[in-house]
Amino acid sequence: MKIDIQHIAKLARLSIPEEKAPMFERQMEEIVAMCENMPEITADFDPVDPAHPMALRRDEIAPSFSREDILRNAPQSQAGCVVVPRTVE
C-alpha cells in the first residue's frame, strides 16, 4: 500500500521536510502492513487472562493546562473552544 505522507501531514497540520518524507512513508507502510497481518478475533476469543487480570488506575484529578494556555496555542478559537475543520456532513 502506498502512503502519501505529505497528505497525512497536511491533515494533521504537521510540516515534514521533503528529505525525511521517504523515511516516514516507509515507516507508515510498515505499520499498516503489520496491522493488516494481525489475526482475526473470533467469537471464542477471551481477551482477559485470568492469571493476569488488569487493574485499572484510579481516576484522580491532577493539575492541567488552563483554558487560556490551550486556546493560546490553537490556530483558531471561538467562544472559548478550539475551532476545527468540519469532517462530517
PDB file of N, CA and C in Angstrom:
ATOM      1  N   MET A   1       0.843  -1.177   0.000  1.00  0.00           N
ATOM      2  CA  MET A   1       0.000   0.000   0.000  1.00  0.00           C
ATOM      3  C   MET A   1       0.888   1.239   0.000  1.00  0.00           C
ATOM      4  N   LYS A   2       0.622   2.151  -0.900  1.00  0.00           N
ATOM      5  CA  LYS A   2       1.388   3.395  -0.999  1.00  0.00           C
ATOM      6  C   LYS A   2       0.763   4.439  -0.076  1.00  0.00           C
ATOM      7  N   ILE A   3       1.588   5.059   0.741  1.00  0.00           N
ATOM      8  CA  ILE A   3       1.144   6.074   1.700  1.00  0.00           C
ATOM      9  C   ILE A   3       1.607   7.445   1.216  1.00  0.00           C
ATOM     10  N   ASP A   4       0.697   8.402   1.186  1.00  0.00           N
ATOM     11  CA  ASP A   4       1.046   9.788   0.855  1.00  0.00           C
ATOM     12  C   ASP A   4       1.252  10.533   2.174  1.00  0.00           C
ATOM     13  N   ILE A   5       2.478  10.516   2.640  1.00  0.00           N
ATOM     14  CA  ILE A   5       2.789  11.068   3.963  1.00  0.00           C
ATOM     15  C   ILE A   5       2.578  12.579   4.010  1.00  0.00           C
ATOM     16  N   GLN A   6       2.782  13.274   2.898  1.00  0.00           N
ATOM     17  CA  GLN A   6       2.565  14.727   2.894  1.00  0.00           C
ATOM     18  C   GLN A   6       1.078  15.045   3.059  1.00  0.00           C
ATOM     19  N   HIS A   7       0.202  14.226   2.487  1.00  0.00           N
ATOM     20  CA  HIS A   7      -1.241  14.432   2.657  1.00  0.00           C
ATOM     21  C   HIS A   7      -1.641  14.190   4.116  1.00  0.00           C
ATOM     22  N   ILE A   8      -1.117  13.119   4.715  1.00  0.00           N
ATOM     23  CA  ILE A   8      -1.401  12.829   6.123  1.00  0.00           C
ATOM     24  C   ILE A   8      -0.875  13.960   7.000  1.00  0.00           C
ATOM     25  N   ALA A   9       0.316  14.455   6.688  1.00  0.00           N
ATOM     26  CA  ALA A   9       0.892  15.559   7.468  1.00  0.00           C
ATOM     27  C   ALA A   9       0.033  16.805   7.349  1.00  0.00           C
ATOM     28  N   LYS A  10      -0.491  17.075   6.155  1.00  0.00           N
ATOM     29  CA  LYS A  10      -1.351  18.243   5.964  1.00  0.00           C
ATOM     30  C   LYS A  10      -2.614  18.122   6.805  1.00  0.00           C
ATOM     31  N   LEU A  11      -3.224  16.919   6.814  1.00  0.00           N
ATOM     32  CA  LEU A  11      -4.436  16.708   7.621  1.00  0.00           C
ATOM     33  C   LEU A  11      -4.155  16.892   9.106  1.00  0.00           C
ATOM     34  N   ALA A  12      -2.957  16.493   9.532  1.00  0.00           N
ATOM     35  CA  ALA A  12      -2.575  16.611  10.939  1.00  0.00           C
ATOM     36  C   ALA A  12      -1.930  17.956  11.258  1.00  0.00           C
ATOM     37  N   ARG A  13      -1.864  18.825  10.255  1.00  0.00           N
ATOM     38  CA  ARG A  13      -1.238  20.140  10.398  1.00  0.00           C
ATOM     39  C   ARG A  13       0.208  20.030  10.867  1.00  0.00           C
ATOM     40  N   LEU A  14       0.926  19.091  10.235  1.00  0.00           N
ATOM     41  CA  LEU A  14       2.339  18.894  10.529  1.00  0.00           C
ATOM     42  C   LEU A  14       3.163  19.297   9.323  1.00  0.00           C
ATOM     43  N   SER A  15       4.389  19.657   9.567  1.00  0.00           N
ATOM     44  CA  SER A  15       5.308  20.000   8.490  1.00  0.00           C
ATOM     45  C   SER A  15       6.402  18.935   8.460  1.00  0.00           C
ATOM     46  N   ILE A  16       6.523  18.249   7.325  1.00  0.00           N
ATOM     47  CA  ILE A  16       7.551  17.222   7.178  1.00  0.00           C
ATOM     48  C   ILE A  16       8.518  17.674   6.094  1.00  0.00           C
ATOM     49  N   PRO A  17       9.800  17.770   6.416  1.00  0.00           N
ATOM     50  CA  PRO A  17      10.788  18.143   5.391  1.00  0.00           C
ATOM     51  C   PRO A  17      10.813  17.100   4.270  1.00  0.00           C
ATOM     52  N   GLU A  18      10.996  17.557   3.031  1.00  0.00           N
ATOM     53  CA  GLU A  18      10.988  16.667   1.865  1.00  0.00           C
ATOM     54  C   GLU A  18      12.018  15.547   1.987  1.00  0.00           C
ATOM     55  N   GLU A  19      13.173  15.839   2.588  1.00  0.00           N
ATOM     56  CA  GLU A  19      14.211  14.815   2.682  1.00  0.00           C
ATOM     57  C   GLU A  19      13.848  13.693   3.666  1.00  0.00           C
ATOM     58  N   LYS A  20      12.934  13.958   4.603  1.00  0.00           N
ATOM     59  CA  LYS A  20      12.518  12.931   5.571  1.00  0.00           C
ATOM     60  C   LYS A  20      11.241  12.212   5.156  1.00  0.00           C
ATOM     61  N   ALA A  21      10.545  12.717   4.148  1.00  0.00           N
ATOM     62  CA  ALA A  21       9.272  12.121   3.721  1.00  0.00           C
ATOM     63  C   ALA A  21       9.407  10.650   3.331  1.00  0.00           C
ATOM     64  N   PRO A  22      10.422  10.249   2.545  1.00  0.00           N
ATOM     65  CA  PRO A  22      10.522   8.824   2.190  1.00  0.00           C
ATOM     66  C   PRO A  22      10.666   7.908   3.407  1.00  0.00           C
ATOM     67  N   MET A  23      11.419   8.354   4.416  1.00  0.00           N
ATOM     68  CA  MET A  23      11.595   7.548   5.620  1.00  0.00           C
ATOM     69  C   MET A  23      10.260   7.377   6.340  1.00  0.00           C
ATOM     70  N   PHE A  24       9.501   8.471   6.488  1.00  0.00           N
ATOM     71  CA  PHE A  24       8.219   8.393   7.174  1.00  0.00           C
ATOM     72  C   PHE A  24       7.211   7.568   6.371  1.00  0.00           C
ATOM     73  N   GLU A  25       7.241   7.675   5.053  1.00  0.00           N
ATOM     74  CA  GLU A  25       6.349   6.867   4.217  1.00  0.00           C
ATOM     75  C   GLU A  25       6.639   5.387   4.409  1.00  0.00           C
ATOM     76  N   ARG A  26       7.918   5.013   4.416  1.00  0.00           N
ATOM     77  CA  ARG A  26       8.301   3.617   4.603  1.00  0.00           C
ATOM     78  C   ARG A  26       7.845   3.122   5.981  1.00  0.00           C
ATOM     79  N   GLN A  27       8.071   3.936   7.014  1.00  0.00           N
ATOM     80  CA  GLN A  27       7.669   3.536   8.364  1.00  0.00           C
ATOM     81  C   GLN A  27       6.150   3.375   8.466  1.00  0.00           C
ATOM     82  N   MET A  28       5.403   4.286   7.850  1.00  0.00           N
ATOM     83  CA  MET A  28       3.944   4.206   7.893  1.00  0.00           C
ATOM     84  C   MET A  28       3.460   2.968   7.132  1.00  0.00           C
ATOM     85  N   GLU A  29       4.080   2.674   5.989  1.00  0.00           N
ATOM     86  CA  GLU A  29       3.721   1.473   5.224  1.00  0.00           C
ATOM     87  C   GLU A  29       3.983   0.214   6.045  1.00  0.00           C
ATOM     88  N   GLU A  30       5.083   0.191   6.806  1.00  0.00           N
ATOM     89  CA  GLU A  30       5.378  -0.965   7.657  1.00  0.00           C
ATOM     90  C   GLU A  30       4.338  -1.116   8.767  1.00  0.00           C
ATOM     91  N   ILE A  31       3.892  -0.008   9.344  1.00  0.00           N
ATOM     92  CA  ILE A  31       2.874  -0.056  10.395  1.00  0.00           C
ATOM     93  C   ILE A  31       1.558  -0.585   9.839  1.00  0.00           C
ATOM     94  N   VAL A  32       1.162  -0.085   8.670  1.00  0.00           N
ATOM     95  CA  VAL A  32      -0.090  -0.534   8.056  1.00  0.00           C
ATOM     96  C   VAL A  32       0.006  -2.017   7.708  1.00  0.00           C
ATOM     97  N   ALA A  33       1.152  -2.461   7.169  1.00  0.00           N
ATOM     98  CA  ALA A  33       1.330  -3.873   6.829  1.00  0.00           C
ATOM     99  C   ALA A  33       1.240  -4.742   8.083  1.00  0.00           C
ATOM    100  N   MET A  34       1.815  -4.281   9.185  1.00  0.00           N
ATOM    101  CA  MET A  34       1.750  -5.035  10.426  1.00  0.00           C
ATOM    102  C   MET A  34       0.295  -5.165  10.892  1.00  0.00           C
ATOM    103  N   CYS A  35      -0.470  -4.091  10.803  1.00  0.00           N
ATOM    104  CA  CYS A  35      -1.869  -4.123  11.223  1.00  0.00           C
ATOM    105  C   CYS A  35      -2.704  -5.022  10.311  1.00  0.00           C
ATOM    106  N   GLU A  36      -2.394  -5.029   9.021  1.00  0.00           N
ATOM    107  CA  GLU A  36      -3.132  -5.878   8.083  1.00  0.00           C
ATOM    108  C   GLU A  36      -2.873  -7.355   8.349  1.00  0.00           C
ATOM    109  N   ASN A  37      -1.733  -7.695   8.933  1.00  0.00           N
ATOM    110  CA  ASN A  37      -1.371  -9.085   9.193  1.00  0.00           C
ATOM    111  C   ASN A  37      -1.793  -9.576  10.572  1.00  0.00           C
ATOM    112  N   MET A  38      -2.499  -8.759  11.321  1.00  0.00           N
ATOM    113  CA  MET A  38      -2.948  -9.193  12.650  1.00  0.00           C
ATOM    114  C   MET A  38      -4.030 -10.257  12.499  1.00  0.00           C
ATOM    115  N   PRO A  39      -4.060 -11.221  13.410  1.00  0.00           N
ATOM    116  CA  PRO A  39      -5.068 -12.288  13.297  1.00  0.00           C
ATOM    117  C   PRO A  39      -6.473 -11.768  13.573  1.00  0.00           C
ATOM    118  N   GLU A  40      -7.454 -12.440  12.973  1.00  0.00           N
ATOM    119  CA  GLU A  40      -8.855 -12.093  13.194  1.00  0.00           C
ATOM    120  C   GLU A  40      -9.256 -12.478  14.618  1.00  0.00           C
ATOM    121  N   ILE A  41     -10.150 -11.709  15.197  1.00  0.00           N
ATOM    122  CA  ILE A  41     -10.690 -12.035  16.520  1.00  0.00           C
ATOM    123  C   ILE A  41     -11.949 -12.849  16.301  1.00  0.00           C
ATOM    124  N   THR A  42     -11.973 -14.030  16.879  1.00  0.00           N
ATOM    125  CA  THR A  42     -13.116 -14.919  16.714  1.00  0.00           C
ATOM    126  C   THR A  42     -14.063 -14.798  17.902  1.00  0.00           C
ATOM    127  N   ALA A  43     -15.224 -15.437  17.787  1.00  0.00           N
ATOM    128  CA  ALA A  43     -16.242 -15.357  18.842  1.00  0.00           C
ATOM    129  C   ALA A  43     -15.766 -15.995  20.137  1.00  0.00           C
ATOM    130  N   ASP A  44     -14.873 -16.991  20.061  1.00  0.00           N
ATOM    131  CA  ASP A  44     -14.410 -17.666  21.278  1.00  0.00           C
ATOM    132  C   ASP A  44     -13.163 -17.008  21.876  1.00  0.00           C
ATOM    133  N   PHE A  45     -12.781 -15.841  21.363  1.00  0.00           N
ATOM    134  CA  PHE A  45     -11.612 -15.113  21.869  1.00  0.00           C
ATOM    135  C   PHE A  45     -11.916 -14.530  23.240  1.00  0.00           C
ATOM    136  N   ASP A  46     -11.059 -14.791  24.213  1.00  0.00           N
ATOM    137  CA  ASP A  46     -11.213 -14.257  25.569  1.00  0.00           C
ATOM    138  C   ASP A  46     -10.057 -13.309  25.850  1.00  0.00           C
ATOM    139  N   PRO A  47     -10.298 -11.998  25.803  1.00  0.00           N
ATOM    140  CA  PRO A  47      -9.201 -11.041  25.941  1.00  0.00           C
ATOM    141  C   PRO A  47      -8.632 -10.931  27.354  1.00  0.00           C
ATOM    142  N   VAL A  48      -9.299 -11.498  28.356  1.00  0.00           N
ATOM    143  CA  VAL A  48      -8.834 -11.371  29.731  1.00  0.00           C
ATOM    144  C   VAL A  48      -8.138 -12.656  30.150  1.00  0.00           C
ATOM    145  N   ASP A  49      -6.913 -12.521  30.602  1.00  0.00           N
ATOM    146  CA  ASP A  49      -6.160 -13.658  31.105  1.00  0.00           C
ATOM    147  C   ASP A  49      -6.426 -13.759  32.601  1.00  0.00           C
ATOM    148  N   PRO A  50      -7.116 -14.812  33.072  1.00  0.00           N
ATOM    149  CA  PRO A  50      -7.440 -14.917  34.499  1.00  0.00           C
ATOM    150  C   PRO A  50      -6.201 -14.913  35.397  1.00  0.00           C
ATOM    151  N   ALA A  51      -5.074 -15.366  34.871  1.00  0.00           N
ATOM    152  CA  ALA A  51      -3.854 -15.391  35.677  1.00  0.00           C
ATOM    153  C   ALA A  51      -3.262 -13.993  35.854  1.00  0.00           C
ATOM    154  N   HIS A  52      -3.596 -13.082  34.930  1.00  0.00           N
ATOM    155  CA  HIS A  52      -3.067 -11.715  34.998  1.00  0.00           C
ATOM    156  C   HIS A  52      -4.194 -10.713  34.744  1.00  0.00           C
ATOM    157  N   PRO A  53      -5.122 -10.555  35.678  1.00  0.00           N
ATOM    158  CA  PRO A  53      -6.219  -9.606  35.453  1.00  0.00           C
ATOM    159  C   PRO A  53      -5.692  -8.166  35.429  1.00  0.00           C
ATOM    160  N   MET A  54      -6.367  -7.349  34.663  1.00  0.00           N
ATOM    161  CA  MET A  54      -5.957  -5.953  34.549  1.00  0.00           C
ATOM    162  C   MET A  54      -6.464  -5.171  35.767  1.00  0.00           C
ATOM    163  N   ALA A  55      -5.639  -4.296  36.253  1.00  0.00           N
ATOM    164  CA  ALA A  55      -6.032  -3.408  37.335  1.00  0.00           C
ATOM    165  C   ALA A  55      -6.126  -2.007  36.765  1.00  0.00           C
ATOM    166  N   LEU A  56      -7.270  -1.392  36.876  1.00  0.00           N
ATOM    167  CA  LEU A  56      -7.445  -0.045  36.360  1.00  0.00           C
ATOM    168  C   LEU A  56      -6.884   0.968  37.346  1.00  0.00           C
ATOM    169  N   ARG A  57      -6.328   2.019  36.820  1.00  0.00           N
ATOM    170  CA  ARG A  57      -5.795   3.060  37.700  1.00  0.00           C
ATOM    171  C   ARG A  57      -6.941   3.905  38.238  1.00  0.00           C
ATOM    172  N   ARG A  58      -6.703   4.512  39.360  1.00  0.00           N
ATOM    173  CA  ARG A  58      -7.711   5.384  39.951  1.00  0.00           C
ATOM    174  C   ARG A  58      -7.840   6.644  39.102  1.00  0.00           C
ATOM    175  N   ASP A  59      -9.042   7.133  38.977  1.00  0.00           N
ATOM    176  CA  ASP A  59      -9.297   8.367  38.248  1.00  0.00           C
ATOM    177  C   ASP A  59      -9.159   9.515  39.237  1.00  0.00           C
ATOM    178  N   GLU A  60      -8.033  10.208  39.167  1.00  0.00           N
ATOM    179  CA  GLU A  60      -7.745  11.275  40.112  1.00  0.00           C
ATOM    180  C   GLU A  60      -7.591  12.598  39.376  1.00  0.00           C
ATOM    181  N   ILE A  61      -8.054  13.650  39.983  1.00  0.00           N
ATOM    182  CA  ILE A  61      -7.899  14.984  39.430  1.00  0.00           C
ATOM    183  C   ILE A  61      -6.455  15.419  39.637  1.00  0.00           C
ATOM    184  N   ALA A  62      -5.851  15.923  38.569  1.00  0.00           N
ATOM    185  CA  ALA A  62      -4.459  16.366  38.632  1.00  0.00           C
ATOM    186  C   ALA A  62      -4.359  17.737  37.972  1.00  0.00           C
ATOM    187  N   PRO A  63      -3.320  18.486  38.296  1.00  0.00           N
ATOM    188  CA  PRO A  63      -3.145  19.789  37.651  1.00  0.00           C
ATOM    189  C   PRO A  63      -3.058  19.622  36.136  1.00  0.00           C
ATOM    190  N   SER A  64      -3.599  20.601  35.435  1.00  0.00           N
ATOM    191  CA  SER A  64      -3.621  20.545  33.984  1.00  0.00           C
ATOM    192  C   SER A  64      -3.358  21.941  33.431  1.00  0.00           C
ATOM    193  N   PHE A  65      -3.436  22.056  32.100  1.00  0.00           N
ATOM    194  CA  PHE A  65      -3.268  23.359  31.469  1.00  0.00           C
ATOM    195  C   PHE A  65      -4.534  24.188  31.655  1.00  0.00           C
ATOM    196  N   SER A  66      -4.366  25.494  31.729  1.00  0.00           N
ATOM    197  CA  SER A  66      -5.531  26.367  31.818  1.00  0.00           C
ATOM    198  C   SER A  66      -6.155  26.505  30.431  1.00  0.00           C
ATOM    199  N   ARG A  67      -7.414  26.856  30.385  1.00  0.00           N
ATOM    200  CA  ARG A  67      -8.110  27.044  29.109  1.00  0.00           C
ATOM    201  C   ARG A  67      -7.405  28.119  28.280  1.00  0.00           C
ATOM    202  N   GLU A  68      -6.927  29.165  28.933  1.00  0.00           N
ATOM    203  CA  GLU A  68      -6.246  30.245  28.217  1.00  0.00           C
ATOM    204  C   GLU A  68      -4.972  29.741  27.535  1.00  0.00           C
ATOM    205  N   ASP A  69      -4.201  28.873  28.226  1.00  0.00           N
ATOM    206  CA  ASP A  69      -2.982  28.320  27.633  1.00  0.00           C
ATOM    207  C   ASP A  69      -3.311  27.460  26.408  1.00  0.00           C
ATOM    208  N   ILE A  70      -4.356  26.660  26.505  1.00  0.00           N
ATOM    209  CA  ILE A  70      -4.737  25.796  25.388  1.00  0.00           C
ATOM    210  C   ILE A  70      -5.204  26.640  24.207  1.00  0.00           C
ATOM    211  N   LEU A  71      -6.055  27.624  24.462  1.00  0.00           N
ATOM    212  CA  LEU A  71      -6.576  28.456  23.379  1.00  0.00           C
ATOM    213  C   LEU A  71      -5.494  29.326  22.755  1.00  0.00           C
ATOM    214  N   ARG A  72      -4.493  29.681  23.530  1.00  0.00           N
ATOM    215  CA  ARG A  72      -3.393  30.492  23.013  1.00  0.00           C
ATOM    216  C   ARG A  72      -2.626  29.715  21.934  1.00  0.00           C
ATOM    217  N   ASN A  73      -2.564  28.391  22.050  1.00  0.00           N
ATOM    218  CA  ASN A  73      -1.838  27.564  21.081  1.00  0.00           C
ATOM    219  C   ASN A  73      -2.711  27.078  19.931  1.00  0.00           C
ATOM    220  N   ALA A  74      -4.013  27.287  20.017  1.00  0.00           N
ATOM    221  CA  ALA A  74      -4.921  26.837  18.955  1.00  0.00           C
ATOM    222  C   ALA A  74      -4.833  27.794  17.769  1.00  0.00           C
ATOM    223  N   PRO A  75      -4.884  27.250  16.539  1.00  0.00           N
ATOM    224  CA  PRO A  75      -4.843  28.138  15.378  1.00  0.00           C
ATOM    225  C   PRO A  75      -6.047  29.063  15.302  1.00  0.00           C
ATOM    226  N   GLN A  76      -7.207  28.585  15.787  1.00  0.00           N
ATOM    227  CA  GLN A  76      -8.416  29.406  15.759  1.00  0.00           C
ATOM    228  C   GLN A  76      -9.303  28.995  16.929  1.00  0.00           C
ATOM    229  N   SER A  77      -9.914  29.969  17.598  1.00  0.00           N
ATOM    230  CA  SER A  77     -10.831  29.674  18.700  1.00  0.00           C
ATOM    231  C   SER A  77     -12.040  30.593  18.607  1.00  0.00           C
ATOM    232  N   GLN A  78     -13.128  30.109  19.212  1.00  0.00           N
ATOM    233  CA  GLN A  78     -14.365  30.882  19.211  1.00  0.00           C
ATOM    234  C   GLN A  78     -15.168  30.488  20.442  1.00  0.00           C
ATOM    235  N   ALA A  79     -15.641  31.455  21.190  1.00  0.00           N
ATOM    236  CA  ALA A  79     -16.464  31.237  22.381  1.00  0.00           C
ATOM    237  C   ALA A  79     -15.803  30.278  23.362  1.00  0.00           C
ATOM    238  N   GLY A  80     -14.480  30.381  23.516  1.00  0.00           N
ATOM    239  CA  GLY A  80     -13.771  29.552  24.484  1.00  0.00           C
ATOM    240  C   GLY A  80     -13.526  28.127  24.029  1.00  0.00           C
ATOM    241  N   CYS A  81     -13.699  27.846  22.742  1.00  0.00           N
ATOM    242  CA  CYS A  81     -13.495  26.491  22.204  1.00  0.00           C
ATOM    243  C   CYS A  81     -12.535  26.561  21.021  1.00  0.00           C
ATOM    244  N   VAL A  82     -11.856  25.441  20.751  1.00  0.00           N
ATOM    245  CA  VAL A  82     -10.978  25.339  19.598  1.00  0.00           C
ATOM    246  C   VAL A  82     -11.834  25.075  18.368  1.00  0.00           C
ATOM    247  N   VAL A  83     -11.637  25.846  17.313  1.00  0.00           N
ATOM    248  CA  VAL A  83     -12.358  25.661  16.058  1.00  0.00           C
ATOM    249  C   VAL A  83     -11.556  24.692  15.186  1.00  0.00           C
ATOM    250  N   VAL A  84     -12.240  23.635  14.708  1.00  0.00           N
ATOM    251  CA  VAL A  84     -11.598  22.635  13.847  1.00  0.00           C
ATOM    252  C   VAL A  84     -12.385  22.540  12.548  1.00  0.00           C
ATOM    253  N   PRO A  85     -11.752  22.030  11.472  1.00  0.00           N
ATOM    254  CA  PRO A  85     -12.470  21.878  10.212  1.00  0.00           C
ATOM    255  C   PRO A  85     -13.607  20.868  10.343  1.00  0.00           C
ATOM    256  N   ARG A  86     -14.691  21.115   9.634  1.00  0.00           N
ATOM    257  CA  ARG A  86     -15.827  20.207   9.640  1.00  0.00           C
ATOM    258  C   ARG A  86     -15.412  18.902   8.936  1.00  0.00           C
ATOM    259  N   THR A  87     -15.687  17.774   9.563  1.00  0.00           N
ATOM    260  CA  THR A  87     -15.313  16.487   8.989  1.00  0.00           C
ATOM    261  C   THR A  87     -16.519  15.634   8.619  1.00  0.00           C
ATOM    262  N   VAL A  88     -17.697  15.965   9.119  1.00  0.00           N
ATOM    263  CA  VAL A  88     -18.896  15.174   8.856  1.00  0.00           C
ATOM    264  C   VAL A  88     -19.958  16.103   8.286  1.00  0.00           C
ATOM    265  N   GLU A  89     -20.597  15.660   7.235  1.00  0.00           N
ATOM    266  CA  GLU A  89     -21.675  16.456   6.622  1.00  0.00           C
ATOM    267  C   GLU A  89     -22.978  16.215   7.356  1.00  0.00           C
TER     268      GLU A  89
END
